[in-house]
Protein backbone atom coordinates (compact mmCIF):
# COMPACT_ATOMS: atom_id res chain seq x y z
CA MET A 1 13.06 -26.67 3.86
CA THR A 2 13.16 -23.91 6.47
CA TYR A 3 11.36 -20.57 6.18
CA ALA A 4 14.66 -18.85 5.39
CA GLU A 5 15.36 -21.38 2.66
CA ALA A 6 11.86 -20.92 1.24
CA THR A 7 12.11 -17.14 1.07
CA ASP A 8 15.66 -17.36 -0.32
CA PHE A 9 14.28 -19.51 -3.12
CA LEU A 10 11.36 -17.17 -3.81
CA PHE A 11 13.54 -14.06 -3.91
CA SER A 12 16.33 -15.63 -5.95
CA SER A 13 14.32 -17.72 -8.40
CA LEU A 14 11.48 -15.33 -9.28
CA PRO A 15 11.97 -11.78 -10.60
CA VAL A 16 11.19 -9.29 -7.82
CA TRP A 17 9.93 -5.83 -8.82
CA GLU A 18 11.28 -4.20 -5.67
CA GLN A 19 14.78 -5.39 -6.57
CA ARG A 20 14.88 -5.46 -10.37
CA GLY A 21 12.23 -3.00 -11.53
CA ALA A 22 11.40 -3.32 -15.22
CA ALA A 23 13.08 -6.73 -15.50
CA ALA A 24 10.50 -8.12 -13.05
CA TYR A 25 7.46 -6.52 -14.68
CA LYS A 26 5.33 -9.24 -16.26
CA PRO A 27 1.92 -7.86 -17.27
CA GLY A 28 -0.89 -10.18 -18.27
CA LEU A 29 -3.10 -12.80 -16.65
CA GLU A 30 -2.05 -15.91 -18.55
CA ARG A 31 0.62 -17.09 -16.09
CA ILE A 32 -1.39 -16.39 -12.94
CA ALA A 33 -4.45 -18.10 -14.45
CA ALA A 34 -2.43 -21.20 -15.31
CA PHE A 35 -0.88 -21.35 -11.86
CA LEU A 36 -4.16 -20.80 -10.03
CA SER A 37 -5.64 -23.66 -12.05
CA ILE A 38 -2.93 -25.90 -10.57
CA LEU A 39 -3.93 -24.63 -7.11
CA GLY A 40 -7.59 -25.49 -7.73
CA ASN A 41 -8.66 -21.92 -8.58
CA PRO A 42 -8.86 -20.59 -5.02
CA GLN A 43 -9.88 -17.15 -6.34
CA ASN A 44 -13.29 -18.62 -7.12
CA ARG A 45 -13.83 -19.63 -3.49
CA VAL A 46 -13.01 -16.28 -1.88
CA ARG A 47 -15.23 -13.20 -1.72
CA THR A 48 -13.01 -10.20 -2.44
CA ILE A 49 -12.70 -6.43 -2.57
CA HIS A 50 -10.20 -5.09 -5.11
CA VAL A 51 -8.29 -1.87 -4.37
CA ALA A 52 -6.15 -0.07 -6.95
CA GLY A 53 -4.83 3.48 -7.37
CA THR A 54 -1.64 5.50 -7.42
CA ASN A 55 -1.52 6.41 -3.72
CA GLY A 56 -3.52 5.47 -0.65
CA LYS A 57 -4.50 1.99 -1.74
CA GLY A 58 -2.50 0.39 1.07
CA SER A 59 -4.07 2.57 3.76
CA VAL A 60 -7.57 2.08 2.30
CA SER A 61 -7.03 -1.68 2.19
CA HIS A 62 -5.87 -1.82 5.80
CA MET A 63 -8.71 0.38 7.07
CA LEU A 64 -11.30 -1.69 5.23
CA ALA A 65 -9.83 -4.91 6.58
CA ALA A 66 -9.85 -3.52 10.14
CA VAL A 67 -13.52 -2.54 9.88
CA LEU A 68 -14.56 -5.89 8.41
CA GLN A 69 -12.55 -7.72 11.05
CA SER A 70 -14.20 -5.62 13.78
CA ALA A 71 -17.59 -6.62 12.34
CA GLY A 72 -16.77 -10.25 13.12
CA LEU A 73 -15.88 -11.30 9.58
CA ARG A 74 -12.81 -13.46 9.09
CA THR A 75 -10.91 -11.08 6.87
CA GLY A 76 -8.00 -11.69 4.53
CA LEU A 77 -5.66 -8.88 3.53
CA PHE A 78 -3.19 -8.97 0.63
CA THR A 79 -0.88 -5.96 0.25
CA SER A 80 2.52 -5.06 -1.13
CA PRO A 81 5.33 -4.44 -0.75
CA HIS A 82 6.38 -5.75 2.62
CA LEU A 83 8.66 -3.61 4.75
CA VAL A 84 10.54 -6.18 6.83
CA ASP A 85 9.13 -9.70 6.43
CA PHE A 86 7.52 -11.24 3.33
CA ARG A 87 4.66 -12.56 5.47
CA GLU A 88 3.38 -9.00 6.00
CA ARG A 89 1.81 -9.27 2.54
CA ILE A 90 -0.68 -11.98 3.51
CA ARG A 91 -2.74 -11.70 6.70
CA VAL A 92 -5.97 -13.06 8.14
CA ASP A 93 -7.53 -10.99 10.93
CA GLY A 94 -4.21 -9.19 11.22
CA VAL A 95 -2.19 -12.39 11.66
CA GLN A 96 0.54 -13.00 9.09
CA ILE A 97 0.57 -16.19 7.09
CA SER A 98 2.55 -18.76 9.04
CA GLU A 99 6.13 -19.63 8.18
CA ALA A 100 5.03 -23.25 7.88
CA ALA A 101 2.45 -22.32 5.24
CA VAL A 102 5.03 -20.40 3.19
CA VAL A 103 7.33 -23.42 3.34
CA GLU A 104 4.51 -25.81 2.40
CA PHE A 105 3.48 -23.67 -0.57
CA THR A 106 7.04 -23.23 -1.80
CA GLU A 107 7.96 -26.91 -1.52
CA ARG A 108 4.78 -28.05 -3.20
CA TYR A 109 4.68 -25.60 -6.09
CA LYS A 110 8.23 -24.35 -6.70
CA CYS A 111 8.67 -26.39 -9.88
CA ASP A 112 5.37 -25.11 -11.28
CA MET A 113 6.31 -21.51 -10.47
CA VAL A 114 9.62 -21.77 -12.29
CA ARG A 115 8.16 -23.70 -15.23
CA LEU A 116 5.45 -21.09 -15.77
CA GLY A 117 7.91 -18.22 -15.40
CA LEU A 118 6.00 -16.49 -12.63
CA SER A 119 7.11 -13.14 -11.31
CA PHE A 120 7.52 -12.76 -7.56
CA PHE A 121 4.33 -10.70 -7.38
CA GLU A 122 2.35 -13.30 -9.32
CA MET A 123 3.58 -15.93 -6.88
CA ALA A 124 2.62 -13.77 -3.89
CA THR A 125 -0.85 -13.11 -5.32
CA ALA A 126 -1.43 -16.81 -5.80
CA MET A 127 -0.12 -17.65 -2.34
CA GLY A 128 -2.45 -15.08 -0.81
CA LEU A 129 -5.53 -16.46 -2.58
CA TRP A 130 -4.47 -20.02 -1.72
CA TRP A 131 -4.11 -19.10 1.94
CA PHE A 132 -7.38 -17.18 2.10
CA SER A 133 -9.25 -20.13 0.61
CA ARG A 134 -7.93 -22.52 3.25
CA SER A 135 -6.95 -20.38 6.25
CA GLY A 136 -8.29 -21.42 9.61
CA VAL A 137 -6.00 -24.43 9.78
CA ASP A 138 -3.42 -22.88 12.07
CA ILE A 139 -4.42 -19.29 12.77
CA GLY A 140 -4.92 -18.90 16.50
CA ARG A 141 -8.53 -18.25 17.36
CA ASN A 142 -9.73 -19.40 13.94
CA ALA A 143 -8.42 -22.93 14.37
CA GLY A 144 -11.20 -25.44 13.90
CA SER A 145 -13.68 -22.83 12.67
CA GLY A 146 -13.71 -24.02 9.09
CA LEU A 147 -11.69 -23.25 6.02
CA GLY A 148 -11.60 -19.99 4.14
CA VAL A 149 -12.03 -16.34 5.00
CA ASP A 150 -15.39 -14.59 4.83
CA ILE A 151 -13.93 -11.82 2.69
CA ALA A 152 -10.50 -10.69 1.52
CA VAL A 153 -9.22 -7.23 0.65
CA ILE A 154 -6.82 -7.45 -2.30
CA GLU A 155 -4.50 -4.54 -3.06
CA ALA A 156 -3.43 -4.32 -6.69
CA GLY A 157 0.21 -3.99 -7.58
CA LEU A 158 1.21 -2.01 -10.67
CA GLY A 159 -1.67 -0.71 -12.76
CA GLY A 160 -4.82 -2.79 -12.76
CA ARG A 161 -5.96 -4.18 -16.10
CA LEU A 162 -2.93 -6.47 -16.52
CA ASP A 163 -2.05 -6.79 -12.84
CA SER A 164 -2.08 -10.37 -11.54
CA THR A 165 -4.62 -9.44 -8.85
CA ASN A 166 -7.12 -8.68 -11.63
CA ILE A 167 -7.75 -12.40 -11.88
CA ILE A 168 -10.43 -11.95 -9.20
CA THR A 169 -14.06 -10.96 -9.67
CA PRO A 170 -14.69 -8.81 -6.60
CA THR A 171 -17.75 -7.70 -4.70
CA LEU A 172 -16.52 -4.13 -4.94
CA SER A 173 -13.81 -2.36 -6.96
CA ILE A 174 -12.03 0.68 -5.50
CA ILE A 175 -9.65 3.09 -7.24
CA THR A 176 -8.21 5.62 -4.81
CA ASN A 177 -6.72 8.22 -7.16
CA ILE A 178 -4.61 8.66 -10.29
CA ALA A 179 -1.28 10.44 -10.63
CA LEU A 180 1.63 10.25 -13.05
CA GLU A 181 3.81 7.32 -12.02
CA HIS A 182 5.30 4.31 -13.80
CA THR A 183 4.53 6.13 -17.05
CA GLN A 184 6.79 3.80 -19.03
CA TYR A 185 4.39 0.95 -18.23
CA LEU A 186 0.98 2.59 -17.74
CA GLY A 187 1.04 5.58 -20.10
CA ASP A 188 2.23 9.16 -20.01
CA THR A 189 -1.07 10.90 -19.26
CA ILE A 190 -3.60 10.76 -16.45
CA ALA A 191 -6.21 9.45 -18.88
CA LYS A 192 -3.97 6.61 -20.08
CA ILE A 193 -3.10 5.57 -16.54
CA ALA A 194 -6.78 5.77 -15.56
CA THR A 195 -7.59 3.43 -18.42
CA GLU A 196 -5.21 0.84 -16.97
CA LYS A 197 -6.58 1.27 -13.44
CA ALA A 198 -10.18 1.17 -14.72
CA GLY A 199 -9.45 -2.35 -15.91
CA ILE A 200 -10.32 -3.63 -12.44
CA ILE A 201 -13.95 -2.51 -12.84
CA LYS A 202 -16.01 -5.63 -13.61
CA PRO A 203 -19.44 -6.06 -15.20
CA GLY A 204 -22.21 -5.22 -12.75
CA VAL A 205 -19.77 -4.73 -9.85
CA PRO A 206 -20.01 -1.38 -8.02
CA ALA A 207 -16.94 0.87 -8.20
CA VAL A 208 -15.77 3.56 -5.76
CA ILE A 209 -13.38 6.25 -6.98
CA GLY A 210 -11.58 8.06 -4.18
CA GLU A 211 -10.74 11.39 -5.83
CA THR A 212 -12.43 13.18 -8.72
CA ASP A 213 -10.04 14.38 -11.40
CA PRO A 214 -11.21 16.04 -14.64
CA GLU A 215 -8.89 13.86 -16.72
CA SER A 216 -9.58 10.50 -15.09
CA ALA A 217 -13.27 10.81 -14.15
CA PRO A 218 -14.57 10.53 -17.74
CA VAL A 219 -12.49 7.38 -18.22
CA PHE A 220 -13.97 5.76 -15.12
CA CYS A 221 -17.52 6.83 -15.97
CA ALA A 222 -17.23 5.47 -19.51
CA ARG A 223 -15.88 2.14 -18.26
CA ALA A 224 -18.64 1.85 -15.64
CA ALA A 225 -21.33 2.70 -18.19
CA GLU A 226 -19.96 0.14 -20.64
CA LEU A 227 -20.09 -2.57 -17.98
CA ASN A 228 -23.36 -1.47 -16.37
CA SER A 229 -21.53 -0.90 -13.08
CA GLU A 230 -22.60 1.60 -10.45
CA ILE A 231 -19.91 4.22 -9.82
CA LEU A 232 -19.52 6.57 -6.86
CA PHE A 233 -16.91 9.27 -6.31
CA ALA A 234 -16.04 9.35 -2.61
CA ASP A 235 -15.08 13.01 -2.49
CA ASN A 236 -18.62 13.84 -3.66
CA GLN A 237 -20.23 11.70 -0.96
CA ASN A 238 -18.84 13.31 2.17
CA SER A 239 -19.20 16.65 3.92
CA SER A 240 -16.40 19.07 4.75
CA PRO A 241 -15.94 21.30 7.83
CA LYS A 242 -16.69 24.47 5.84
CA SER A 243 -19.87 23.33 4.11
CA GLU A 244 -23.27 22.00 4.96
CA PRO A 245 -23.49 18.20 5.02
CA ARG A 246 -24.27 17.01 1.49
CA SER A 247 -23.89 13.28 1.91
CA HIS A 248 -26.79 11.02 1.08
CA PHE A 249 -24.95 8.42 3.18
CA GLN A 250 -25.37 10.68 6.21
CA PHE A 251 -21.86 10.67 7.58
CA SER A 252 -19.01 13.11 7.94
CA ILE A 253 -15.35 12.18 7.83
CA PHE A 254 -14.83 14.39 10.86
CA ASN A 255 -16.88 12.09 13.12
CA PHE A 256 -14.24 9.35 13.09
CA GLN A 257 -11.06 8.87 15.07
CA LEU A 258 -8.13 7.23 13.28
CA ASP A 259 -4.90 5.71 14.50
CA LEU A 260 -3.39 6.60 11.10
CA HIS A 261 -2.10 10.11 11.54
CA GLY A 262 -1.17 11.61 8.17
CA ASP A 263 -3.45 14.43 7.06
CA TYR A 264 -3.81 12.62 3.73
CA GLN A 265 -5.72 9.88 5.56
CA GLN A 266 -8.83 12.08 5.46
CA LYS A 267 -9.06 11.44 1.72
CA ASN A 268 -8.56 7.73 2.27
CA LEU A 269 -11.19 7.78 5.00
CA ALA A 270 -13.76 9.24 2.63
CA THR A 271 -13.04 6.38 0.23
CA VAL A 272 -13.41 3.80 3.00
CA LEU A 273 -16.70 5.23 4.26
CA THR A 274 -18.20 5.21 0.78
CA ALA A 275 -17.05 1.63 0.29
CA ILE A 276 -18.53 0.55 3.62
CA GLU A 277 -21.96 1.92 2.71
CA ILE A 278 -21.96 -0.18 -0.48
CA LEU A 279 -20.75 -3.26 1.42
CA ARG A 280 -23.54 -2.78 3.96
CA ARG A 281 -26.03 -3.76 1.29
CA THR A 282 -24.93 -7.37 1.72
CA LEU A 283 -22.82 -7.43 4.89
CA ALA A 284 -23.69 -6.60 8.50
CA ILE A 285 -21.23 -3.85 9.48
CA PRO A 286 -22.51 -2.10 12.63
CA ASP A 287 -21.57 1.49 13.39
CA GLU A 288 -19.61 0.27 16.41
CA ALA A 289 -17.47 -1.97 14.17
CA LEU A 290 -16.87 0.96 11.84
CA GLN A 291 -15.73 3.20 14.68
CA THR A 292 -13.60 0.48 16.30
CA GLY A 293 -11.96 -0.61 13.09
CA LEU A 294 -10.98 2.91 12.05
CA LYS A 295 -9.75 3.82 15.53
CA ASN A 296 -7.53 0.73 15.61
CA ALA A 297 -6.74 0.11 11.95
CA ALA A 298 -2.96 0.03 12.30
CA ALA A 299 -3.10 -2.01 15.49
CA LEU A 300 -5.53 -4.56 14.03
CA THR A 301 -3.81 -5.02 10.67
CA GLY A 302 -0.15 -4.33 11.40
CA LEU A 303 0.08 -1.34 9.07
CA ARG A 304 3.30 0.62 9.45
CA GLY A 305 5.10 3.45 7.71
CA ARG A 306 2.23 5.92 7.25
CA TRP A 307 3.22 9.13 9.08
CA GLN A 308 4.36 6.76 11.82
CA GLU A 309 5.81 8.33 14.94
CA VAL A 310 8.78 6.37 16.30
CA GLY A 311 10.36 9.04 18.52
CA ARG A 312 9.27 12.09 20.50
CA HIS A 313 12.33 14.17 21.48
CA PRO A 314 13.18 14.84 18.75
CA LEU A 315 10.00 13.96 16.89
CA ILE A 316 10.86 11.15 14.44
CA LEU A 317 8.44 10.22 11.68
CA LEU A 318 8.48 7.53 8.99
CA ASP A 319 6.42 7.66 5.81
CA THR A 320 6.48 5.48 2.71
CA ALA A 321 5.28 8.16 0.25
CA HIS A 322 7.60 7.84 -2.73
CA ASN A 323 6.16 9.77 -5.67
CA ALA A 324 5.25 13.38 -6.36
CA HIS A 325 1.55 12.92 -5.64
CA GLY A 326 2.17 11.28 -2.26
CA LEU A 327 5.11 13.44 -1.24
CA ALA A 328 3.15 16.60 -2.01
CA GLU A 329 0.73 15.59 0.77
CA VAL A 330 3.62 14.82 3.10
CA ALA A 331 5.33 18.13 2.30
CA ARG A 332 2.19 20.09 3.17
CA GLN A 333 2.08 18.42 6.57
CA LEU A 334 5.81 18.92 7.13
CA ALA A 335 5.33 22.64 6.47
CA ARG A 336 2.90 22.82 9.39
CA GLN A 337 5.29 21.26 11.91
CA ASN A 338 6.34 23.73 14.59
CA ARG A 339 9.92 22.50 14.91
CA ARG A 340 13.19 24.40 15.13
CA ASN A 341 14.91 22.27 12.48
CA ILE A 342 13.81 19.43 10.23
CA PHE A 343 16.30 16.72 9.30
CA MET A 344 15.36 14.71 6.21
CA VAL A 345 16.81 11.20 5.96
CA ILE A 346 15.87 10.23 2.42
CA GLY A 347 16.66 7.78 -0.32
CA PHE A 348 14.91 7.04 -3.59
CA ALA A 349 14.73 4.31 -6.19
CA SER A 350 16.90 5.14 -9.17
CA ASP A 351 13.92 5.28 -11.56
CA LYS A 352 12.08 8.00 -9.65
CA ASP A 353 11.41 11.30 -11.42
CA LEU A 354 13.16 13.61 -8.97
CA THR A 355 12.49 16.65 -11.14
CA SER A 356 8.87 16.54 -9.96
CA ILE A 357 9.67 15.46 -6.39
CA LEU A 358 12.54 17.65 -5.17
CA PRO A 359 10.76 21.01 -5.64
CA LEU A 360 8.11 19.76 -3.20
CA LEU A 361 10.52 19.12 -0.33
CA PRO A 362 11.09 21.68 2.44
CA ALA A 363 13.68 24.23 1.33
CA ASP A 364 15.00 24.98 4.81
CA ALA A 365 15.47 21.37 5.97
CA ARG A 366 18.80 19.60 6.41
CA TYR A 367 19.20 16.55 4.21
CA ILE A 368 21.03 13.28 4.75
CA ALA A 369 21.25 11.35 1.48
CA THR A 370 21.21 7.59 1.86
CA ARG A 371 20.25 4.41 0.07
CA ALA A 372 18.56 1.18 1.01
CA ASP A 373 20.30 -2.13 0.39
CA THR A 374 18.64 -2.88 -2.94
CA PRO A 375 19.94 -2.81 -6.54
CA ARG A 376 17.23 -0.31 -7.50
CA ALA A 377 18.40 2.34 -5.02
CA MET A 378 19.80 5.62 -6.30
CA PRO A 379 23.44 6.07 -5.21
CA PRO A 380 23.50 8.58 -2.33
CA ASP A 381 26.19 10.75 -3.95
CA GLU A 382 23.97 11.10 -7.02
CA LEU A 383 21.01 11.96 -4.78
CA ALA A 384 23.11 14.54 -2.95
CA ARG A 385 24.10 16.11 -6.25
CA ARG A 386 20.46 16.36 -7.26
CA LEU A 387 19.48 17.79 -3.86
CA ASN A 388 22.17 20.44 -4.03
CA ALA A 389 21.15 21.34 -7.58
CA HIS A 390 17.74 22.23 -6.15
CA SER A 391 19.36 24.28 -3.35
CA LEU A 392 18.51 21.68 -0.73
CA ASN A 393 21.18 21.57 1.97
CA THR A 394 22.83 18.12 2.12
CA ILE A 395 24.75 17.75 5.38
CA ALA A 396 25.77 14.10 5.02
CA ILE A 397 25.98 11.21 2.54
CA THR A 398 25.94 7.56 3.57
CA ASP A 399 25.30 4.13 2.03
CA SER A 400 23.57 2.89 5.20
CA VAL A 401 20.08 3.80 6.41
CA PRO A 402 20.90 3.00 10.08
CA THR A 403 24.02 5.17 9.83
CA ALA A 404 21.97 7.99 8.31
CA ILE A 405 19.52 7.75 11.20
CA ASP A 406 22.34 7.85 13.74
CA LEU A 407 23.76 10.95 12.04
CA ALA A 408 20.36 12.66 12.19
CA ARG A 409 19.84 11.78 15.84
CA THR A 410 23.29 13.04 16.72
CA SER A 411 22.64 16.33 14.95
CA ALA A 412 19.09 16.96 16.16
CA THR A 413 18.04 18.58 19.43
CA PRO A 414 14.90 17.56 21.37
CA ASP A 415 13.02 20.44 19.72
CA ASP A 416 13.85 19.29 16.19
CA MET A 417 12.20 16.79 13.87
CA ILE A 418 13.59 13.91 11.82
CA PHE A 419 11.70 12.66 8.79
CA ILE A 420 12.69 9.33 7.23
CA GLY A 421 11.34 8.31 3.85
CA GLY A 422 11.43 8.64 0.08
CA SER A 423 11.23 4.89 -0.43
CA ASN A 424 9.52 1.81 1.00
CA PHE A 425 12.98 0.28 1.23
CA VAL A 426 14.33 3.12 3.37
CA VAL A 427 11.39 2.85 5.77
CA GLY A 428 11.72 -0.94 5.83
CA GLU A 429 15.36 -0.66 6.92
CA ALA A 430 14.55 2.10 9.42
CA LEU A 431 11.84 0.21 11.29
CA PRO A 432 14.12 -2.40 12.91
CA VAL A 433 16.37 0.40 14.19
CA PHE A 434 13.55 1.75 16.35
CA GLU A 435 11.87 -1.55 17.15
CA LYS A 436 15.12 -2.87 18.65
CA LYS A 437 15.18 0.09 21.01
CA SER A 438 11.53 -0.24 22.05
């Protein structure tokens, strides 16, 4: 079996959320527990950090992994979704799982995966834990240094309580923030969604909450009290530029340089810094490692698609924000761009609540409606109709992300800006366009 054959099997034989949406949603831990038992329960041999939340959990996970890696710890990182290659989901010290390992895993366990009815995400979770428990076999500088990572950062998928990643018992639980998304699965209020996310808090395990919200905070505090778990709210631990320092951790988010450039990363940074101080109780994480990891987080971990600059004249930016909470942050930063015109190349999944998203987008921008090559994508003519209904000027409609990018580049002058986003899928198809030219 080749790598292409292995991934073809995984994508075609297991329901994939990114392609099928609700049809691929399989909440509960029974299947993942049964499968991990077949694998020898690798989750019990890996020290982990669990990261959940509506937005920012990917950035927080990558920043944490970069800091831990810079501190000399062999660090696993499990995230989702991938943008271009499945192997992006599973990394050790920034190095993707090898193609040979994916093939080995698929050949050995494909019958078990099908028999148990695993979802694609459950399979990926299990593969990540399997790889972290044995990695070192063929990962560059780690070869011969023993099996297993020192610690792994595990990003949750949908929700938390019933998410397959919740099979782990972590050293630290992190919940970045709560916003209304996937309400058909997680609940239609902030409190209900917080209850699902709070399911990752474990007995006696410290929990960091990234953003304090009056609706979600009581839920988290009640869960932590019930389980005798320490809880810290990151936005109450850090100082701001207009106030006196009030952090008992003695740091300010403005003392750190990041290679992640979205303004929203300041909130994620506060979460990371609070987490690091808790981890320092049991792990040696020098200040130099903290500074180095944050300054080189994207470079060390391979993170892409977060306010990522891929062109200068015109300025071209990619961002994977895809819900109202995330796009509100993006829109605020777009409003501060000193550019003659802004061209928006956007596409959305068909299940997105555009009534809450479209009013956030810049009213004076020029829109190119497109779609990624996935069954879940909203047809671009439907998107254009919705854009126009909100008085957003649609200048082109196309079924191809590369074509949409070409149209934007043809229309833009060096003093303009092109923004590409609305969906992980759109960004995933845009990245190869620019990487081929680099």
